PDB file of N, CA and C in Angstrom:
ATOM      1  N   MET A   1       6.982   0.701  -2.844  1.00  0.00           N
ATOM      2  CA  MET A   1       8.358   0.249  -2.077  1.00  0.00           C
ATOM      3  C   MET A   1       9.556   1.372  -2.276  1.00  0.00           C
ATOM      4  N   SER A   2      10.080   1.147  -1.082  1.00  0.00           N
ATOM      5  CA  SER A   2      11.296   2.110  -1.251  1.00  0.00           C
ATOM      6  C   SER A   2      12.643   1.336  -1.362  1.00  0.00           C
ATOM      7  N   ASP A   3      13.345   2.220  -1.912  1.00  0.00           N
ATOM      8  CA  ASP A   3      14.642   1.425  -1.939  1.00  0.00           C
ATOM      9  C   ASP A   3      14.982   0.909  -0.703  1.00  0.00           C
ATOM     10  N   THR A   4      14.993   1.925   0.590  1.00  0.00           N
ATOM     11  CA  THR A   4      15.247   0.989   1.698  1.00  0.00           C
ATOM     12  C   THR A   4      14.551  -0.301   1.864  1.00  0.00           C
ATOM     13  N   ALA A   5      13.482  -0.489   1.539  1.00  0.00           N
ATOM     14  CA  ALA A   5      12.964  -1.861   1.699  1.00  0.00           C
ATOM     15  C   ALA A   5      13.495  -2.888   0.939  1.00  0.00           C
ATOM     16  N   LYS A   6      13.931  -2.460  -0.078  1.00  0.00           N
ATOM     17  CA  LYS A   6      14.299  -3.160  -1.089  1.00  0.00           C
ATOM     18  C   LYS A   6      15.924  -3.967  -0.628  1.00  0.00           C
ATOM     19  N   SER A   7      16.568  -2.772  -0.066  1.00  0.00           N
ATOM     20  CA  SER A   7      17.584  -3.207   0.384  1.00  0.00           C
ATOM     21  C   SER A   7      17.565  -4.183   1.969  1.00  0.00           C
ATOM     22  N   ASP A   8      16.771  -4.366   2.413  1.00  0.00           N
ATOM     23  CA  ASP A   8      16.225  -5.062   3.493  1.00  0.00           C
ATOM     24  C   ASP A   8      15.724  -6.376   3.391  1.00  0.00           C
ATOM     25  N   CYS A   9      15.564  -6.495   1.929  1.00  0.00           N
ATOM     26  CA  CYS A   9      15.182  -7.836   1.407  1.00  0.00           C
ATOM     27  C   CYS A   9      16.167  -8.993   1.483  1.00  0.00           C
ATOM     28  N   ARG A  10      15.578 -10.048   1.944  1.00  0.00           N
ATOM     29  CA  ARG A  10      16.592 -11.268   2.567  1.00  0.00           C
ATOM     30  C   ARG A  10      17.070 -12.234   1.267  1.00  0.00           C
ATOM     31  N   ASN A  11      16.475 -11.836   0.624  1.00  0.00           N
ATOM     32  CA  ASN A  11      16.418 -12.595  -1.038  1.00  0.00           C
ATOM     33  C   ASN A  11      16.976 -11.621  -1.895  1.00  0.00           C
ATOM     34  N   GLN A  12      18.113 -10.748  -2.483  1.00  0.00           N
ATOM     35  CA  GLN A  12      18.276  -9.920  -3.332  1.00  0.00           C
ATOM     36  C   GLN A  12      17.786 -10.684  -4.909  1.00  0.00           C
ATOM     37  N   ALA A  13      18.534 -11.715  -4.984  1.00  0.00           N
ATOM     38  CA  ALA A  13      18.574 -12.681  -6.084  1.00  0.00           C
ATOM     39  C   ALA A  13      17.024 -12.747  -7.034  1.00  0.00           C
ATOM     40  N   GLY A  14      16.442 -13.134  -5.965  1.00  0.00           N
ATOM     41  CA  GLY A  14      14.961 -13.631  -6.203  1.00  0.00           C
ATOM     42  C   GLY A  14      13.890 -12.132  -6.229  1.00  0.00           C
ATOM     43  N   HIS A  15      14.265 -10.882  -5.557  1.00  0.00           N
ATOM     44  CA  HIS A  15      13.582  -9.806  -5.340  1.00  0.00           C
ATOM     45  C   HIS A  15      12.775  -9.696  -6.243  1.00  0.00           C
ATOM     46  N   GLN A  16      12.895  -9.663  -7.595  1.00  0.00           N
ATOM     47  CA  GLN A  16      11.759  -9.478  -8.625  1.00  0.00           C
ATOM     48  C   GLN A  16      10.787 -10.111  -9.067  1.00  0.00           C
ATOM     49  N   LEU A  17      10.895 -11.564  -8.101  1.00  0.00           N
ATOM     50  CA  LEU A  17       9.430 -12.366  -8.340  1.00  0.00           C
ATOM     51  C   LEU A  17       8.921 -12.133  -6.877  1.00  0.00           C
ATOM     52  N   HIS A  18       9.145 -10.957  -5.740  1.00  0.00           N
ATOM     53  CA  HIS A  18       8.528 -10.960  -4.875  1.00  0.00           C
ATOM     54  C   HIS A  18       6.976  -9.758  -4.827  1.00  0.00           C
ATOM     55  N   LEU A  19       6.091 -10.462  -4.140  1.00  0.00           N
ATOM     56  CA  LEU A  19       5.008  -9.766  -4.374  1.00  0.00           C
ATOM     57  C   LEU A  19       4.891  -8.444  -4.485  1.00  0.00           C
ATOM     58  N   CYS A  20       5.809  -7.527  -3.821  1.00  0.00           N
ATOM     59  CA  CYS A  20       5.986  -5.897  -3.971  1.00  0.00           C
ATOM     60  C   CYS A  20       6.189  -5.691  -5.644  1.00  0.00           C
ATOM     61  N   GLN A  21       7.099  -6.567  -5.885  1.00  0.00           N
ATOM     62  CA  GLN A  21       7.816  -6.358  -7.246  1.00  0.00           C
ATOM     63  C   GLN A  21       6.903  -6.881  -8.537  1.00  0.00           C
ATOM     64  N   LEU A  22       5.645  -7.479  -8.456  1.00  0.00           N
ATOM     65  CA  LEU A  22       4.904  -8.194  -8.793  1.00  0.00           C
ATOM     66  C   LEU A  22       3.538  -7.042  -9.081  1.00  0.00           C
ATOM     67  N   LYS A  23       3.526  -6.656  -7.748  1.00  0.00           N
ATOM     68  CA  LYS A  23       2.226  -5.311  -7.543  1.00  0.00           C
ATOM     69  C   LYS A  23       2.554  -4.380  -8.581  1.00  0.00           C
ATOM     70  N   LYS A  24       3.907  -3.933  -8.554  1.00  0.00           N
ATOM     71  CA  LYS A  24       4.639  -2.694  -9.409  1.00  0.00           C
ATOM     72  C   LYS A  24       3.996  -3.051 -10.872  1.00  0.00           C
ATOM     73  N   LYS A  25       4.254  -4.337 -10.959  1.00  0.00           N
ATOM     74  CA  LYS A  25       4.579  -4.765 -12.874  1.00  0.00           C
ATOM     75  C   LYS A  25       2.933  -4.859 -13.082  1.00  0.00           C
ATOM     76  N   GLY A  26       1.906  -4.505 -12.240  1.00  0.00           N
ATOM     77  CA  GLY A  26       0.643  -4.816 -12.600  1.00  0.00           C
ATOM     78  C   GLY A  26       0.033  -5.993 -12.623  1.00  0.00           C
ATOM     79  N   LEU A  27       1.173  -7.081 -12.325  1.00  0.00           N
ATOM     80  CA  LEU A  27       0.625  -8.783 -12.331  1.00  0.00           C
ATOM     81  C   LEU A  27      -0.465  -9.392 -11.221  1.00  0.00           C
ATOM     82  N   LEU A  28      -1.625  -8.822 -11.269  1.00  0.00           N
ATOM     83  CA  LEU A  28      -2.306  -8.895 -10.340  1.00  0.00           C
ATOM     84  C   LEU A  28      -3.037 -10.192  -9.752  1.00  0.00           C
ATOM     85  N   LYS A  29      -3.352 -10.651 -11.367  1.00  0.00           N
ATOM     86  CA  LYS A  29      -3.728 -12.212 -11.103  1.00  0.00           C
ATOM     87  C   LYS A  29      -2.435 -13.247 -10.216  1.00  0.00           C
ATOM     88  N   GLU A  30      -1.580 -12.742 -10.715  1.00  0.00           N
ATOM     89  CA  GLU A  30      -0.622 -13.498 -10.249  1.00  0.00           C
ATOM     90  C   GLU A  30      -0.240 -13.384  -8.711  1.00  0.00           C
ATOM     91  N   VAL A  31      -0.272 -12.053  -8.052  1.00  0.00           N
ATOM     92  CA  VAL A  31      -0.379 -11.728  -6.609  1.00  0.00           C
ATOM     93  C   VAL A  31      -1.488 -12.656  -6.238  1.00  0.00           C
ATOM     94  N   SER A  32      -2.665 -12.087  -6.658  1.00  0.00           N
ATOM     95  CA  SER A  32      -3.626 -13.276  -6.223  1.00  0.00           C
ATOM     96  C   SER A  32      -3.650 -14.519  -6.262  1.00  0.00           C
ATOM     97  N   ALA A  33      -3.077 -15.080  -6.756  1.00  0.00           N
ATOM     98  CA  ALA A  33      -3.027 -16.498  -7.145  1.00  0.00           C
ATOM     99  C   ALA A  33      -1.582 -17.134  -5.634  1.00  0.00           C
ATOM    100  N   ARG A  34      -0.777 -15.549  -5.606  1.00  0.00           N
ATOM    101  CA  ARG A  34       0.059 -16.050  -4.468  1.00  0.00           C
ATOM    102  C   ARG A  34      -0.160 -15.721  -3.123  1.00  0.00           C
ATOM    103  N   SER A  35      -1.444 -15.440  -3.072  1.00  0.00           N
ATOM    104  CA  SER A  35      -1.644 -14.846  -1.324  1.00  0.00           C
ATOM    105  C   SER A  35      -3.239 -14.845  -1.382  1.00  0.00           C
ATOM    106  N   ASN A  36      -3.989 -16.514  -2.154  1.00  0.00           N
ATOM    107  CA  ASN A  36      -5.077 -16.684  -1.691  1.00  0.00           C
ATOM    108  C   ASN A  36      -5.548 -17.718  -0.298  1.00  0.00           C
ATOM    109  N   ALA A  37      -4.355 -17.877   0.254  1.00  0.00           N
ATOM    110  CA  ALA A  37      -4.416 -18.790   1.579  1.00  0.00           C
ATOM    111  C   ALA A  37      -2.907 -18.107   2.182  1.00  0.00           C
ATOM    112  N   PRO A  38      -2.762 -17.223   2.650  1.00  0.00           N
ATOM    113  CA  PRO A  38      -1.807 -16.349   3.426  1.00  0.00           C
ATOM    114  C   PRO A  38      -1.162 -17.141   4.562  1.00  0.00           C
ATOM    115  N   GLY A  39      -0.051 -17.361   4.872  1.00  0.00           N
ATOM    116  CA  GLY A  39       0.445 -17.804   6.551  1.00  0.00           C
ATOM    117  C   GLY A  39       1.713 -17.014   6.464  1.00  0.00           C
ATOM    118  N   TYR A  40       2.228 -16.054   6.178  1.00  0.00           N
ATOM    119  CA  TYR A  40       3.363 -15.323   5.950  1.00  0.00           C
ATOM    120  C   TYR A  40       3.000 -14.162   5.563  1.00  0.00           C
ATOM    121  N   ILE A  41       3.903 -13.020   6.091  1.00  0.00           N
ATOM    122  CA  ILE A  41       3.835 -11.531   6.238  1.00  0.00           C
ATOM    123  C   ILE A  41       5.096 -10.800   6.058  1.00  0.00           C
ATOM    124  N   CYS A  42       5.039  -9.644   5.527  1.00  0.00           N
ATOM    125  CA  CYS A  42       6.136  -9.101   4.852  1.00  0.00           C
ATOM    126  C   CYS A  42       6.262  -7.890   6.069  1.00  0.00           C
ATOM    127  N   HIS A  43       7.327  -7.869   6.778  1.00  0.00           N
ATOM    128  CA  HIS A  43       7.669  -6.858   7.804  1.00  0.00           C
ATOM    129  C   HIS A  43       8.108  -5.320   6.899  1.00  0.00           C
ATOM    130  N   ASN A  44       8.483  -5.715   5.455  1.00  0.00           N
ATOM    131  CA  ASN A  44       8.878  -4.034   4.889  1.00  0.00           C
ATOM    132  C   ASN A  44       7.642  -3.435   4.326  1.00  0.00           C
ATOM    133  N   CYS A  45       6.761  -4.391   3.751  1.00  0.00           N
ATOM    134  CA  CYS A  45       5.669  -3.670   3.025  1.00  0.00           C
ATOM    135  C   CYS A  45       3.897  -4.105   3.555  1.00  0.00           C
ATOM    136  N   ASN A  46       4.397  -5.176   4.694  1.00  0.00           N
ATOM    137  CA  ASN A  46       2.909  -5.788   5.114  1.00  0.00           C
ATOM    138  C   ASN A  46       2.174  -6.461   4.164  1.00  0.00           C
ATOM    139  N   ALA A  47       2.812  -7.184   2.950  1.00  0.00           N
ATOM    140  CA  ALA A  47       1.843  -7.895   1.967  1.00  0.00           C
ATOM    141  C   ALA A  47       1.772  -9.482   2.951  1.00  0.00           C
ATOM    142  N   GLU A  48       0.940  -9.861   2.643  1.00  0.00           N
ATOM    143  CA  GLU A  48       0.526 -11.155   2.730  1.00  0.00           C
ATOM    144  C   GLU A  48       0.537 -12.281   1.960  1.00  0.00           C
ATOM    145  N   ALA A  49       1.322 -13.295   1.914  1.00  0.00           N
ATOM    146  CA  ALA A  49       1.622 -14.658   1.013  1.00  0.00           C
ATOM    147  C   ALA A  49       1.457 -15.645   1.330  1.00  0.00           C
ATOM    148  N   ASN A  50       1.118 -16.793   0.326  1.00  0.00           N
ATOM    149  CA  ASN A  50       0.826 -18.048   0.537  1.00  0.00           C
ATOM    150  C   ASN A  50       2.371 -18.676   0.982  1.00  0.00           C
ATOM    151  N   ASP A  51       3.809 -18.507   0.555  1.00  0.00           N
ATOM    152  CA  ASP A  51       4.773 -18.672   0.629  1.00  0.00           C
ATOM    153  C   ASP A  51       6.041 -17.538   1.110  1.00  0.00           C
ATOM    154  N   ALA A  52       6.717 -18.077   2.197  1.00  0.00           N
ATOM    155  CA  ALA A  52       7.785 -17.038   2.532  1.00  0.00           C
ATOM    156  C   ALA A  52       8.475 -16.650   1.219  1.00  0.00           C
ATOM    157  N   GLU A  53       9.057 -17.286   0.153  1.00  0.00           N
ATOM    158  CA  GLU A  53      10.009 -17.110  -0.744  1.00  0.00           C
ATOM    159  C   GLU A  53       9.251 -15.859  -1.664  1.00  0.00           C
ATOM    160  N   ASP A  54       7.814 -15.500  -1.260  1.00  0.00           N
ATOM    161  CA  ASP A  54       7.598 -14.516  -2.381  1.00  0.00           C
ATOM    162  C   ASP A  54       7.166 -13.043  -1.406  1.00  0.00           C
ATOM    163  N   LEU A  55       7.906 -13.255  -0.305  1.00  0.00           N
ATOM    164  CA  LEU A  55       7.968 -11.756   0.398  1.00  0.00           C
ATOM    165  C   LEU A  55       9.632 -11.451   0.351  1.00  0.00           C
ATOM    166  N   CYS A  56       9.738  -9.984   0.727  1.00  0.00           N
ATOM    167  CA  CYS A  56      10.941  -9.181   1.020  1.00  0.00           C
ATOM    168  C   CYS A  56      11.813 -10.190   2.903  1.00  0.00           C
ATOM    169  N   ASN A  57      10.471  -9.881   3.632  1.00  0.00           N
ATOM    170  CA  ASN A  57      11.048  -9.655   5.007  1.00  0.00           C
ATOM    171  C   ASN A  57       9.869 -10.628   5.565  1.00  0.00           C
ATOM    172  N   PRO A  58       9.828 -11.830   5.191  1.00  0.00           N
ATOM    173  CA  PRO A  58       9.065 -12.746   5.821  1.00  0.00           C
ATOM    174  C   PRO A  58       8.908 -13.280   7.531  1.00  0.00           C
ATOM    175  N   SER A  59       7.562 -13.466   7.884  1.00  0.00           N
ATOM    176  CA  SER A  59       7.280 -14.035   8.995  1.00  0.00           C
ATOM    177  C   SER A  59       6.083 -14.775   8.848  1.00  0.00           C
ATOM    178  N   PRO A  60       6.001 -16.232   9.493  1.00  0.00           N
ATOM    179  CA  PRO A  60       4.869 -16.659   9.703  1.00  0.00           C
ATOM    180  C   PRO A  60       3.783 -15.993  10.380  1.00  0.00           C
ATOM    181  N   PHE A  61       2.464 -16.279  10.358  1.00  0.00           N
ATOM    182  CA  PHE A  61       1.466 -15.737  11.176  1.00  0.00           C
ATOM    183  C   PHE A  61       0.355 -16.896  11.375  1.00  0.00           C
ATOM    184  N   MET A  62      -0.279 -16.621  12.368  1.00  0.00           N
ATOM    185  CA  MET A  62      -1.260 -17.822  12.469  1.00  0.00           C
ATOM    186  C   MET A  62      -2.451 -16.783  12.299  1.00  0.00           C
ATOM    187  N   LYS A  63      -3.131 -17.816  11.513  1.00  0.00           N
ATOM    188  CA  LYS A  63      -4.556 -17.362  10.747  1.00  0.00           C
ATOM    189  C   LYS A  63      -5.457 -17.222  12.256  1.00  0.00           C
ATOM    190  N   ARG A  64      -6.704 -16.333  12.169  1.00  0.00           N
ATOM    191  CA  ARG A  64      -7.672 -16.231  13.419  1.00  0.00           C
ATOM    192  C   ARG A  64      -8.853 -17.432  12.226  1.00  0.00           C
TER     193      ARG A  64
END
């Protein structure tokens, strides 16, 4: 994720716990656990997560 995307984060204080940062740290099991039944997508990096608080710029989406 670029610095521009980080500046677009809606929760800078919790940014280190977002999926983009967990991926950078190589915590893939944690990422998998937080995205096994996604209902939100990040408009910065297109990551999908179970909960909106795990993303920088989330919005809900409907599952097909």
